[in-house]
Amino acid sequence: MSRNPTYIKLINCQTWRNLRNRQLKMRPLCEECRSKGIYTSATEVHHRIPVESVRSEQAMKKLAYDPNNLVSLCHECHVEVHKYSRGKDIVKNKTEREVKSFKGRYL
């Protein structure tokens, strides 16, 4: 879960809950599973373009509430999508490798 206060505010409001519910009613099946010929109920809504990929609150709001930026997914597919995104774990691991390399060269 994000620690960005703006993002947290955006997804913890009635506007997001209404949009999320509408997305799941319009597309009740996991879109990733469906592309593989599997029919699974969608339980989560994912932003195709991450809301935190922009800096200003206005730009974040635009991405967060854009229905064209949403995809319905089951929990398993949502986890998989985030495994391959530029998540905090990837950044953390890269930073640790860079620090280790730096120490090996200079300390």
PDB file of N, CA and C in Angstrom:
ATOM      1  N   MET A   1       0.838  -1.182   0.000  1.00  0.00           N
ATOM      2  CA  MET A   1       0.000   0.000   0.000  1.00  0.00           C
ATOM      3  C   MET A   1       0.880   1.242   0.000  1.00  0.00           C
ATOM      4  N   SER A   2       0.460   2.208  -0.726  1.00  0.00           N
ATOM      5  CA  SER A   2       1.206   3.449  -0.860  1.00  0.00           C
ATOM      6  C   SER A   2       1.236   4.232   0.452  1.00  0.00           C
ATOM      7  N   ARG A   3       2.309   4.997   0.622  1.00  0.00           N
ATOM      8  CA  ARG A   3       2.408   5.900   1.764  1.00  0.00           C
ATOM      9  C   ARG A   3       2.174   7.348   1.342  1.00  0.00           C
ATOM     10  N   ASN A   4       1.933   7.560   0.057  1.00  0.00           N
ATOM     11  CA  ASN A   4       1.717   8.904  -0.461  1.00  0.00           C
ATOM     12  C   ASN A   4       0.383   9.436   0.061  1.00  0.00           C
ATOM     13  N   PRO A   5       0.400  10.513   0.844  1.00  0.00           N
ATOM     14  CA  PRO A   5      -0.842  11.012   1.453  1.00  0.00           C
ATOM     15  C   PRO A   5      -1.890  11.458   0.435  1.00  0.00           C
ATOM     16  N   THR A   6      -1.441  11.989  -0.692  1.00  0.00           N
ATOM     17  CA  THR A   6      -2.390  12.415  -1.723  1.00  0.00           C
ATOM     18  C   THR A   6      -3.090  11.208  -2.319  1.00  0.00           C
ATOM     19  N   TYR A   7      -2.324  10.161  -2.623  1.00  0.00           N
ATOM     20  CA  TYR A   7      -2.903   8.937  -3.178  1.00  0.00           C
ATOM     21  C   TYR A   7      -3.881   8.315  -2.182  1.00  0.00           C
ATOM     22  N   ILE A   8      -3.492   8.246  -0.938  1.00  0.00           N
ATOM     23  CA  ILE A   8      -4.354   7.668   0.101  1.00  0.00           C
ATOM     24  C   ILE A   8      -5.665   8.436   0.186  1.00  0.00           C
ATOM     25  N   LYS A   9      -5.569   9.758   0.138  1.00  0.00           N
ATOM     26  CA  LYS A   9      -6.770  10.593   0.183  1.00  0.00           C
ATOM     27  C   LYS A   9      -7.682  10.305  -1.027  1.00  0.00           C
ATOM     28  N   LEU A  10      -7.071  10.141  -2.199  1.00  0.00           N
ATOM     29  CA  LEU A  10      -7.856   9.915  -3.413  1.00  0.00           C
ATOM     30  C   LEU A  10      -8.602   8.581  -3.403  1.00  0.00           C
ATOM     31  N   ILE A  11      -7.987   7.541  -2.862  1.00  0.00           N
ATOM     32  CA  ILE A  11      -8.650   6.236  -2.887  1.00  0.00           C
ATOM     33  C   ILE A  11      -9.483   5.941  -1.641  1.00  0.00           C
ATOM     34  N   ASN A  12      -9.484   6.863  -0.705  1.00  0.00           N
ATOM     35  CA  ASN A  12     -10.316   6.695   0.487  1.00  0.00           C
ATOM     36  C   ASN A  12     -11.453   7.699   0.518  1.00  0.00           C
ATOM     37  N   CYS A  13     -12.028   7.950  -0.633  1.00  0.00           N
ATOM     38  CA  CYS A  13     -13.138   8.902  -0.687  1.00  0.00           C
ATOM     39  C   CYS A  13     -14.316   8.263  -1.436  1.00  0.00           C
ATOM     40  N   GLN A  14     -15.451   8.885  -1.301  1.00  0.00           N
ATOM     41  CA  GLN A  14     -16.670   8.360  -1.928  1.00  0.00           C
ATOM     42  C   GLN A  14     -16.577   8.361  -3.447  1.00  0.00           C
ATOM     43  N   THR A  15     -15.896   9.329  -4.026  1.00  0.00           N
ATOM     44  CA  THR A  15     -15.746   9.386  -5.486  1.00  0.00           C
ATOM     45  C   THR A  15     -15.085   8.112  -5.991  1.00  0.00           C
ATOM     46  N   TRP A  16     -13.979   7.701  -5.333  1.00  0.00           N
ATOM     47  CA  TRP A  16     -13.288   6.477  -5.744  1.00  0.00           C
ATOM     48  C   TRP A  16     -14.158   5.248  -5.516  1.00  0.00           C
ATOM     49  N   ARG A  17     -14.831   5.169  -4.376  1.00  0.00           N
ATOM     50  CA  ARG A  17     -15.676   4.002  -4.095  1.00  0.00           C
ATOM     51  C   ARG A  17     -16.778   3.864  -5.147  1.00  0.00           C
ATOM     52  N   ASN A  18     -17.387   4.989  -5.530  1.00  0.00           N
ATOM     53  CA  ASN A  18     -18.434   4.947  -6.552  1.00  0.00           C
ATOM     54  C   ASN A  18     -17.876   4.509  -7.903  1.00  0.00           C
ATOM     55  N   LEU A  19     -16.723   5.062  -8.273  1.00  0.00           N
ATOM     56  CA  LEU A  19     -16.098   4.708  -9.547  1.00  0.00           C
ATOM     57  C   LEU A  19     -15.681   3.245  -9.559  1.00  0.00           C
ATOM     58  N   ARG A  20     -15.116   2.780  -8.472  1.00  0.00           N
ATOM     59  CA  ARG A  20     -14.698   1.382  -8.351  1.00  0.00           C
ATOM     60  C   ARG A  20     -15.897   0.445  -8.484  1.00  0.00           C
ATOM     61  N   ASN A  21     -16.972   0.760  -7.770  1.00  0.00           N
ATOM     62  CA  ASN A  21     -18.180  -0.068  -7.847  1.00  0.00           C
ATOM     63  C   ASN A  21     -18.759  -0.083  -9.255  1.00  0.00           C
ATOM     64  N   ARG A  22     -18.762   1.069  -9.906  1.00  0.00           N
ATOM     65  CA  ARG A  22     -19.271   1.141 -11.282  1.00  0.00           C
ATOM     66  C   ARG A  22     -18.406   0.313 -12.229  1.00  0.00           C
ATOM     67  N   GLN A  23     -17.083   0.372 -12.049  1.00  0.00           N
ATOM     68  CA  GLN A  23     -16.164  -0.414 -12.879  1.00  0.00           C
ATOM     69  C   GLN A  23     -16.444  -1.911 -12.722  1.00  0.00           C
ATOM     70  N   LEU A  24     -16.608  -2.363 -11.481  1.00  0.00           N
ATOM     71  CA  LEU A  24     -16.838  -3.787 -11.243  1.00  0.00           C
ATOM     72  C   LEU A  24     -18.219  -4.234 -11.737  1.00  0.00           C
ATOM     73  N   LYS A  25     -19.209  -3.336 -11.744  1.00  0.00           N
ATOM     74  CA  LYS A  25     -20.525  -3.677 -12.300  1.00  0.00           C
ATOM     75  C   LYS A  25     -20.468  -3.759 -13.814  1.00  0.00           C
ATOM     76  N   MET A  26     -19.725  -2.832 -14.436  1.00  0.00           N
ATOM     77  CA  MET A  26     -19.623  -2.813 -15.896  1.00  0.00           C
ATOM     78  C   MET A  26     -18.739  -3.946 -16.422  1.00  0.00           C
ATOM     79  N   ARG A  27     -17.693  -4.272 -15.675  1.00  0.00           N
ATOM     80  CA  ARG A  27     -16.749  -5.327 -16.078  1.00  0.00           C
ATOM     81  C   ARG A  27     -16.542  -6.268 -14.895  1.00  0.00           C
ATOM     82  N   PRO A  28     -17.480  -7.172 -14.666  1.00  0.00           N
ATOM     83  CA  PRO A  28     -17.426  -8.033 -13.477  1.00  0.00           C
ATOM     84  C   PRO A  28     -16.419  -9.183 -13.556  1.00  0.00           C
ATOM     85  N   LEU A  29     -15.847  -9.421 -14.739  1.00  0.00           N
ATOM     86  CA  LEU A  29     -14.875 -10.505 -14.891  1.00  0.00           C
ATOM     87  C   LEU A  29     -13.464  -9.949 -14.969  1.00  0.00           C
ATOM     88  N   CYS A  30     -12.521 -10.721 -14.455  1.00  0.00           N
ATOM     89  CA  CYS A  30     -11.114 -10.337 -14.512  1.00  0.00           C
ATOM     90  C   CYS A  30     -10.692 -10.235 -15.973  1.00  0.00           C
ATOM     91  N   GLU A  31     -10.221  -9.068 -16.360  1.00  0.00           N
ATOM     92  CA  GLU A  31      -9.860  -8.837 -17.757  1.00  0.00           C
ATOM     93  C   GLU A  31      -8.605  -9.596 -18.160  1.00  0.00           C
ATOM     94  N   GLU A  32      -7.686  -9.809 -17.232  1.00  0.00           N
ATOM     95  CA  GLU A  32      -6.463 -10.564 -17.516  1.00  0.00           C
ATOM     96  C   GLU A  32      -6.788 -12.047 -17.714  1.00  0.00           C
ATOM     97  N   CYS A  33      -7.580 -12.619 -16.824  1.00  0.00           N
ATOM     98  CA  CYS A  33      -7.983 -14.026 -16.962  1.00  0.00           C
ATOM     99  C   CYS A  33      -8.779 -14.233 -18.260  1.00  0.00           C
ATOM    100  N   ARG A  34      -9.684 -13.304 -18.524  1.00  0.00           N
ATOM    101  CA  ARG A  34     -10.524 -13.410 -19.723  1.00  0.00           C
ATOM    102  C   ARG A  34      -9.696 -13.447 -20.992  1.00  0.00           C
ATOM    103  N   SER A  35      -8.591 -12.694 -21.005  1.00  0.00           N
ATOM    104  CA  SER A  35      -7.721 -12.688 -22.188  1.00  0.00           C
ATOM    105  C   SER A  35      -7.070 -14.056 -22.413  1.00  0.00           C
ATOM    106  N   LYS A  36      -7.084 -14.895 -21.371  1.00  0.00           N
ATOM    107  CA  LYS A  36      -6.519 -16.248 -21.455  1.00  0.00           C
ATOM    108  C   LYS A  36      -7.611 -17.309 -21.598  1.00  0.00           C
ATOM    109  N   GLY A  37      -8.870 -16.867 -21.741  1.00  0.00           N
ATOM    110  CA  GLY A  37      -9.983 -17.795 -21.877  1.00  0.00           C
ATOM    111  C   GLY A  37     -10.487 -18.357 -20.562  1.00  0.00           C
ATOM    112  N   ILE A  38     -10.126 -17.729 -19.460  1.00  0.00           N
ATOM    113  CA  ILE A  38     -10.546 -18.158 -18.134  1.00  0.00           C
ATOM    114  C   ILE A  38     -11.537 -17.129 -17.604  1.00  0.00           C
ATOM    115  N   TYR A  39     -12.608 -17.597 -16.973  1.00  0.00           N
ATOM    116  CA  TYR A  39     -13.625 -16.680 -16.472  1.00  0.00           C
ATOM    117  C   TYR A  39     -13.594 -16.657 -14.950  1.00  0.00           C
ATOM    118  N   THR A  40     -13.067 -15.559 -14.411  1.00  0.00           N
ATOM    119  CA  THR A  40     -12.912 -15.366 -12.975  1.00  0.00           C
ATOM    120  C   THR A  40     -13.556 -14.038 -12.589  1.00  0.00           C
ATOM    121  N   SER A  41     -14.212 -14.011 -11.461  1.00  0.00           N
ATOM    122  CA  SER A  41     -14.818 -12.761 -10.990  1.00  0.00           C
ATOM    123  C   SER A  41     -13.737 -11.750 -10.628  1.00  0.00           C
ATOM    124  N   ALA A  42     -13.958 -10.524 -11.033  1.00  0.00           N
ATOM    125  CA  ALA A  42     -13.049  -9.441 -10.666  1.00  0.00           C
ATOM    126  C   ALA A  42     -13.423  -8.944  -9.277  1.00  0.00           C
ATOM    127  N   THR A  43     -12.432  -8.735  -8.457  1.00  0.00           N
ATOM    128  CA  THR A  43     -12.663  -8.232  -7.099  1.00  0.00           C
ATOM    129  C   THR A  43     -11.905  -6.933  -6.851  1.00  0.00           C
ATOM    130  N   GLU A  44     -11.006  -6.580  -7.785  1.00  0.00           N
ATOM    131  CA  GLU A  44     -10.163  -5.408  -7.580  1.00  0.00           C
ATOM    132  C   GLU A  44     -10.105  -4.567  -8.849  1.00  0.00           C
ATOM    133  N   VAL A  45      -9.835  -3.280  -8.664  1.00  0.00           N
ATOM    134  CA  VAL A  45      -9.719  -2.356  -9.786  1.00  0.00           C
ATOM    135  C   VAL A  45      -8.306  -1.791  -9.773  1.00  0.00           C
ATOM    136  N   HIS A  46      -7.637  -1.907 -10.911  1.00  0.00           N
ATOM    137  CA  HIS A  46      -6.239  -1.509 -11.046  1.00  0.00           C
ATOM    138  C   HIS A  46      -6.131  -0.306 -11.979  1.00  0.00           C
ATOM    139  N   HIS A  47      -5.219   0.605 -11.669  1.00  0.00           N
ATOM    140  CA  HIS A  47      -4.933   1.733 -12.554  1.00  0.00           C
ATOM    141  C   HIS A  47      -3.853   1.307 -13.550  1.00  0.00           C
ATOM    142  N   ARG A  48      -4.166   1.389 -14.839  1.00  0.00           N
ATOM    143  CA  ARG A  48      -3.183   1.024 -15.870  1.00  0.00           C
ATOM    144  C   ARG A  48      -1.953   1.915 -15.776  1.00  0.00           C
ATOM    145  N   ILE A  49      -2.180   3.222 -15.730  1.00  0.00           N
ATOM    146  CA  ILE A  49      -1.085   4.173 -15.511  1.00  0.00           C
ATOM    147  C   ILE A  49      -1.113   4.506 -14.026  1.00  0.00           C
ATOM    148  N   PRO A  50      -0.051   4.188 -13.299  1.00  0.00           N
ATOM    149  CA  PRO A  50      -0.062   4.416 -11.853  1.00  0.00           C
ATOM    150  C   PRO A  50      -0.336   5.873 -11.492  1.00  0.00           C
ATOM    151  N   VAL A  51      -1.201   6.061 -10.531  1.00  0.00           N
ATOM    152  CA  VAL A  51      -1.578   7.395 -10.081  1.00  0.00           C
ATOM    153  C   VAL A  51      -0.350   8.144  -9.560  1.00  0.00           C
ATOM    154  N   GLU A  52       0.558   7.439  -8.941  1.00  0.00           N
ATOM    155  CA  GLU A  52       1.739   8.068  -8.365  1.00  0.00           C
ATOM    156  C   GLU A  52       2.849   8.330  -9.377  1.00  0.00           C
ATOM    157  N   SER A  53       2.577   8.071 -10.652  1.00  0.00           N
ATOM    158  CA  SER A  53       3.578   8.336 -11.680  1.00  0.00           C
ATOM    159  C   SER A  53       3.642   9.810 -12.056  1.00  0.00           C
ATOM    160  N   VAL A  54       2.706  10.588 -11.548  1.00  0.00           N
ATOM    161  CA  VAL A  54       2.700  12.033 -11.784  1.00  0.00           C
ATOM    162  C   VAL A  54       2.880  12.743 -10.449  1.00  0.00           C
ATOM    163  N   ARG A  55       3.233  14.026 -10.484  1.00  0.00           N
ATOM    164  CA  ARG A  55       3.568  14.716  -9.237  1.00  0.00           C
ATOM    165  C   ARG A  55       2.452  15.567  -8.663  1.00  0.00           C
ATOM    166  N   SER A  56       1.754  16.303  -9.501  1.00  0.00           N
ATOM    167  CA  SER A  56       0.776  17.245  -8.953  1.00  0.00           C
ATOM    168  C   SER A  56      -0.497  16.525  -8.514  1.00  0.00           C
ATOM    169  N   GLU A  57      -1.145  17.091  -7.520  1.00  0.00           N
ATOM    170  CA  GLU A  57      -2.382  16.503  -7.005  1.00  0.00           C
ATOM    171  C   GLU A  57      -3.459  16.475  -8.098  1.00  0.00           C
ATOM    172  N   GLN A  58      -3.515  17.532  -8.905  1.00  0.00           N
ATOM    173  CA  GLN A  58      -4.507  17.602  -9.974  1.00  0.00           C
ATOM    174  C   GLN A  58      -4.286  16.488 -10.998  1.00  0.00           C
ATOM    175  N   ALA A  59      -3.032  16.251 -11.375  1.00  0.00           N
ATOM    176  CA  ALA A  59      -2.716  15.185 -12.331  1.00  0.00           C
ATOM    177  C   ALA A  59      -3.011  13.811 -11.729  1.00  0.00           C
ATOM    178  N   MET A  60      -2.728  13.649 -10.433  1.00  0.00           N
ATOM    179  CA  MET A  60      -3.030  12.388  -9.759  1.00  0.00           C
ATOM    180  C   MET A  60      -4.538  12.137  -9.755  1.00  0.00           C
ATOM    181  N   LYS A  61      -5.289  13.180  -9.470  1.00  0.00           N
ATOM    182  CA  LYS A  61      -6.740  13.072  -9.430  1.00  0.00           C
ATOM    183  C   LYS A  61      -7.283  12.671 -10.808  1.00  0.00           C
ATOM    184  N   LYS A  62      -6.712  13.264 -11.858  1.00  0.00           N
ATOM    185  CA  LYS A  62      -7.148  12.954 -13.215  1.00  0.00           C
ATOM    186  C   LYS A  62      -6.920  11.471 -13.536  1.00  0.00           C
ATOM    187  N   LEU A  63      -5.748  10.957 -13.197  1.00  0.00           N
ATOM    188  CA  LEU A  63      -5.458   9.532 -13.438  1.00  0.00           C
ATOM    189  C   LEU A  63      -6.301   8.618 -12.560  1.00  0.00           C
ATOM    190  N   ALA A  64      -6.479   8.988 -11.310  1.00  0.00           N
ATOM    191  CA  ALA A  64      -7.204   8.138 -10.362  1.00  0.00           C
ATOM    192  C   ALA A  64      -8.656   7.951 -10.762  1.00  0.00           C
ATOM    193  N   TYR A  65      -9.273   9.000 -11.288  1.00  0.00           N
ATOM    194  CA  TYR A  65     -10.710   8.961 -11.549  1.00  0.00           C
ATOM    195  C   TYR A  65     -11.052   8.824 -13.033  1.00  0.00           C
ATOM    196  N   ASP A  66     -10.062   8.519 -13.870  1.00  0.00           N
ATOM    197  CA  ASP A  66     -10.308   8.333 -15.299  1.00  0.00           C
ATOM    198  C   ASP A  66     -10.774   6.897 -15.541  1.00  0.00           C
ATOM    199  N   PRO A  67     -12.020   6.684 -15.971  1.00  0.00           N
ATOM    200  CA  PRO A  67     -12.516   5.328 -16.199  1.00  0.00           C
ATOM    201  C   PRO A  67     -11.708   4.561 -17.256  1.00  0.00           C
ATOM    202  N   ASN A  68     -11.081   5.276 -18.190  1.00  0.00           N
ATOM    203  CA  ASN A  68     -10.266   4.620 -19.218  1.00  0.00           C
ATOM    204  C   ASN A  68      -8.922   4.146 -18.684  1.00  0.00           C
ATOM    205  N   ASN A  69      -8.583   4.534 -17.464  1.00  0.00           N
ATOM    206  CA  ASN A  69      -7.330   4.127 -16.849  1.00  0.00           C
ATOM    207  C   ASN A  69      -7.539   2.939 -15.895  1.00  0.00           C
ATOM    208  N   LEU A  70      -8.722   2.367 -15.899  1.00  0.00           N
ATOM    209  CA  LEU A  70      -9.049   1.296 -14.957  1.00  0.00           C
ATOM    210  C   LEU A  70      -9.185  -0.046 -15.646  1.00  0.00           C
ATOM    211  N   VAL A  71      -8.829  -1.088 -14.930  1.00  0.00           N
ATOM    212  CA  VAL A  71      -9.001  -2.453 -15.404  1.00  0.00           C
ATOM    213  C   VAL A  71      -9.478  -3.302 -14.226  1.00  0.00           C
ATOM    214  N   SER A  72     -10.466  -4.148 -14.480  1.00  0.00           N
ATOM    215  CA  SER A  72     -11.000  -5.055 -13.451  1.00  0.00           C
ATOM    216  C   SER A  72     -10.139  -6.310 -13.405  1.00  0.00           C
ATOM    217  N   LEU A  73      -9.711  -6.685 -12.198  1.00  0.00           N
ATOM    218  CA  LEU A  73      -8.850  -7.862 -12.035  1.00  0.00           C
ATOM    219  C   LEU A  73      -9.283  -8.693 -10.829  1.00  0.00           C
ATOM    220  N   CYS A  74      -8.950  -9.977 -10.874  1.00  0.00           N
ATOM    221  CA  CYS A  74      -9.095 -10.808  -9.677  1.00  0.00           C
ATOM    222  C   CYS A  74      -7.880 -10.519  -8.792  1.00  0.00           C
ATOM    223  N   HIS A  75      -7.923 -10.969  -7.560  1.00  0.00           N
ATOM    224  CA  HIS A  75      -6.829 -10.681  -6.626  1.00  0.00           C
ATOM    225  C   HIS A  75      -5.492 -11.234  -7.135  1.00  0.00           C
ATOM    226  N   GLU A  76      -5.503 -12.471  -7.632  1.00  0.00           N
ATOM    227  CA  GLU A  76      -4.262 -13.106  -8.084  1.00  0.00           C
ATOM    228  C   GLU A  76      -3.616 -12.325  -9.225  1.00  0.00           C
ATOM    229  N   CYS A  77      -4.419 -11.880 -10.191  1.00  0.00           N
ATOM    230  CA  CYS A  77      -3.866 -11.120 -11.324  1.00  0.00           C
ATOM    231  C   CYS A  77      -3.378  -9.746 -10.866  1.00  0.00           C
ATOM    232  N   HIS A  78      -4.067  -9.159  -9.906  1.00  0.00           N
ATOM    233  CA  HIS A  78      -3.639  -7.855  -9.403  1.00  0.00           C
ATOM    234  C   HIS A  78      -2.272  -7.972  -8.729  1.00  0.00           C
ATOM    235  N   VAL A  79      -2.077  -9.034  -7.964  1.00  0.00           N
ATOM    236  CA  VAL A  79      -0.784  -9.272  -7.329  1.00  0.00           C
ATOM    237  C   VAL A  79       0.295  -9.447  -8.397  1.00  0.00           C
ATOM    238  N   GLU A  80       0.005 -10.227  -9.437  1.00  0.00           N
ATOM    239  CA  GLU A  80       0.964 -10.465 -10.518  1.00  0.00           C
ATOM    240  C   GLU A  80       1.329  -9.179 -11.244  1.00  0.00           C
ATOM    241  N   VAL A  81       0.334  -8.342 -11.514  1.00  0.00           N
ATOM    242  CA  VAL A  81       0.587  -7.073 -12.200  1.00  0.00           C
ATOM    243  C   VAL A  81       1.560  -6.230 -11.385  1.00  0.00           C
ATOM    244  N   HIS A  82       1.386  -6.202 -10.081  1.00  0.00           N
ATOM    245  CA  HIS A  82       2.258  -5.388  -9.237  1.00  0.00           C
ATOM    246  C   HIS A  82       3.636  -6.008  -9.047  1.00  0.00           C
ATOM    247  N   LYS A  83       3.763  -7.314  -9.221  1.00  0.00           N
ATOM    248  CA  LYS A  83       5.070  -7.952  -9.117  1.00  0.00           C
ATOM    249  C   LYS A  83       6.006  -7.419 -10.191  1.00  0.00           C
ATOM    250  N   TYR A  84       5.451  -7.140 -11.367  1.00  0.00           N
ATOM    251  CA  TYR A  84       6.273  -6.738 -12.497  1.00  0.00           C
ATOM    252  C   TYR A  84       6.294  -5.237 -12.720  1.00  0.00           C
ATOM    253  N   SER A  85       5.672  -4.495 -11.838  1.00  0.00           N
ATOM    254  CA  SER A  85       5.710  -3.032 -11.964  1.00  0.00           C
ATOM    255  C   SER A  85       6.916  -2.498 -11.210  1.00  0.00           C
ATOM    256  N   ARG A  86       7.199  -1.233 -11.365  1.00  0.00           N
ATOM    257  CA  ARG A  86       8.322  -0.609 -10.661  1.00  0.00           C
ATOM    258  C   ARG A  86       7.916  -0.324  -9.226  1.00  0.00           C
ATOM    259  N   GLY A  87       7.688  -1.374  -8.477  1.00  0.00           N
ATOM    260  CA  GLY A  87       7.249  -1.242  -7.095  1.00  0.00           C
ATOM    261  C   GLY A  87       8.377  -0.912  -6.142  1.00  0.00           C
ATOM    262  N   LYS A  88       8.013  -0.702  -4.903  1.00  0.00           N
ATOM    263  CA  LYS A  88       8.972  -0.324  -3.870  1.00  0.00           C
ATOM    264  C   LYS A  88      10.022  -1.407  -3.659  1.00  0.00           C
ATOM    265  N   ASP A  89       9.610  -2.681  -3.756  1.00  0.00           N
ATOM    266  CA  ASP A  89      10.565  -3.764  -3.537  1.00  0.00           C
ATOM    267  C   ASP A  89      11.661  -3.759  -4.594  1.00  0.00           C
ATOM    268  N   ILE A  90      11.293  -3.495  -5.849  1.00  0.00           N
ATOM    269  CA  ILE A  90      12.276  -3.456  -6.929  1.00  0.00           C
ATOM    270  C   ILE A  90      13.252  -2.311  -6.694  1.00  0.00           C
ATOM    271  N   VAL A  91      12.721  -1.145  -6.359  1.00  0.00           N
ATOM    272  CA  VAL A  91      13.562   0.021  -6.101  1.00  0.00           C
ATOM    273  C   VAL A  91      14.461  -0.237  -4.904  1.00  0.00           C
ATOM    274  N   LYS A  92      13.900  -0.820  -3.847  1.00  0.00           N
ATOM    275  CA  LYS A  92      14.679  -1.115  -2.639  1.00  0.00           C
ATOM    276  C   LYS A  92      15.821  -2.082  -2.957  1.00  0.00           C
ATOM    277  N   ASN A  93      15.525  -3.143  -3.714  1.00  0.00           N
ATOM    278  CA  ASN A  93      16.561  -4.116  -4.064  1.00  0.00           C
ATOM    279  C   ASN A  93      17.656  -3.475  -4.917  1.00  0.00           C
ATOM    280  N   LYS A  94      17.265  -2.631  -5.852  1.00  0.00           N
ATOM    281  CA  LYS A  94      18.243  -1.952  -6.700  1.00  0.00           C
ATOM    282  C   LYS A  94      19.126  -1.045  -5.850  1.00  0.00           C
ATOM    283  N   THR A  95      18.535  -0.315  -4.939  1.00  0.00           N
ATOM    284  CA  THR A  95      19.290   0.581  -4.062  1.00  0.00           C
ATOM    285  C   THR A  95      20.271  -0.216  -3.207  1.00  0.00           C
ATOM    286  N   GLU A  96      19.827  -1.338  -2.673  1.00  0.00           N
ATOM    287  CA  GLU A  96      20.714  -2.175  -1.851  1.00  0.00           C
ATOM    288  C   GLU A  96      21.896  -2.679  -2.671  1.00  0.00           C
ATOM    289  N   ARG A  97      21.643  -3.084  -3.923  1.00  0.00           N
ATOM    290  CA  ARG A  97      22.735  -3.541  -4.792  1.00  0.00           C
ATOM    291  C   ARG A  97      23.725  -2.416  -5.075  1.00  0.00           C
ATOM    292  N   GLU A  98      23.202  -1.214  -5.313  1.00  0.00           N
ATOM    293  CA  GLU A  98      24.068  -0.069  -5.593  1.00  0.00           C
ATOM    294  C   GLU A  98      24.919   0.291  -4.381  1.00  0.00           C
ATOM    295  N   VAL A  99      24.338   0.242  -3.183  1.00  0.00           N
ATOM    296  CA  VAL A  99      25.086   0.536  -1.960  1.00  0.00           C
ATOM    297  C   VAL A  99      26.184  -0.509  -1.761  1.00  0.00           C
ATOM    298  N   LYS A 100      25.842  -1.767  -1.959  1.00  0.00           N
ATOM    299  CA  LYS A 100      26.819  -2.849  -1.806  1.00  0.00           C
ATOM    300  C   LYS A 100      27.968  -2.676  -2.804  1.00  0.00           C
ATOM    301  N   SER A 101      27.632  -2.332  -4.022  1.00  0.00           N
ATOM    302  CA  SER A 101      28.647  -2.109  -5.050  1.00  0.00           C
ATOM    303  C   SER A 101      29.543  -0.932  -4.682  1.00  0.00           C
ATOM    304  N   PHE A 102      28.935   0.136  -4.208  1.00  0.00           N
ATOM    305  CA  PHE A 102      29.684   1.316  -3.796  1.00  0.00           C
ATOM    306  C   PHE A 102      30.657   0.981  -2.662  1.00  0.00           C
ATOM    307  N   LYS A 103      30.159   0.246  -1.660  1.00  0.00           N
ATOM    308  CA  LYS A 103      31.011  -0.140  -0.532  1.00  0.00           C
ATOM    309  C   LYS A 103      32.186  -0.998  -1.010  1.00  0.00           C
ATOM    310  N   GLY A 104      31.897  -1.911  -1.949  1.00  0.00           N
ATOM    311  CA  GLY A 104      32.946  -2.788  -2.456  1.00  0.00           C
ATOM    312  C   GLY A 104      34.025  -2.022  -3.198  1.00  0.00           C
ATOM    313  N   ARG A 105      33.653  -0.959  -3.879  1.00  0.00           N
ATOM    314  CA  ARG A 105      34.608  -0.184  -4.648  1.00  0.00           C
ATOM    315  C   ARG A 105      35.380   0.833  -3.814  1.00  0.00           C
ATOM    316  N   TYR A 106      34.690   1.478  -2.891  1.00  0.00           N
ATOM    317  CA  TYR A 106      35.285   2.628  -2.225  1.00  0.00           C
ATOM    318  C   TYR A 106      35.541   2.471  -0.728  1.00  0.00           C
ATOM    319  N   LEU A 107      34.979   1.495  -0.093  1.00  0.00           N
ATOM    320  CA  LEU A 107      35.177   1.364   1.360  1.00  0.00           C
ATOM    321  C   LEU A 107      35.884   0.086   1.737  1.00  0.00           C
TER     322      LEU A 107
END
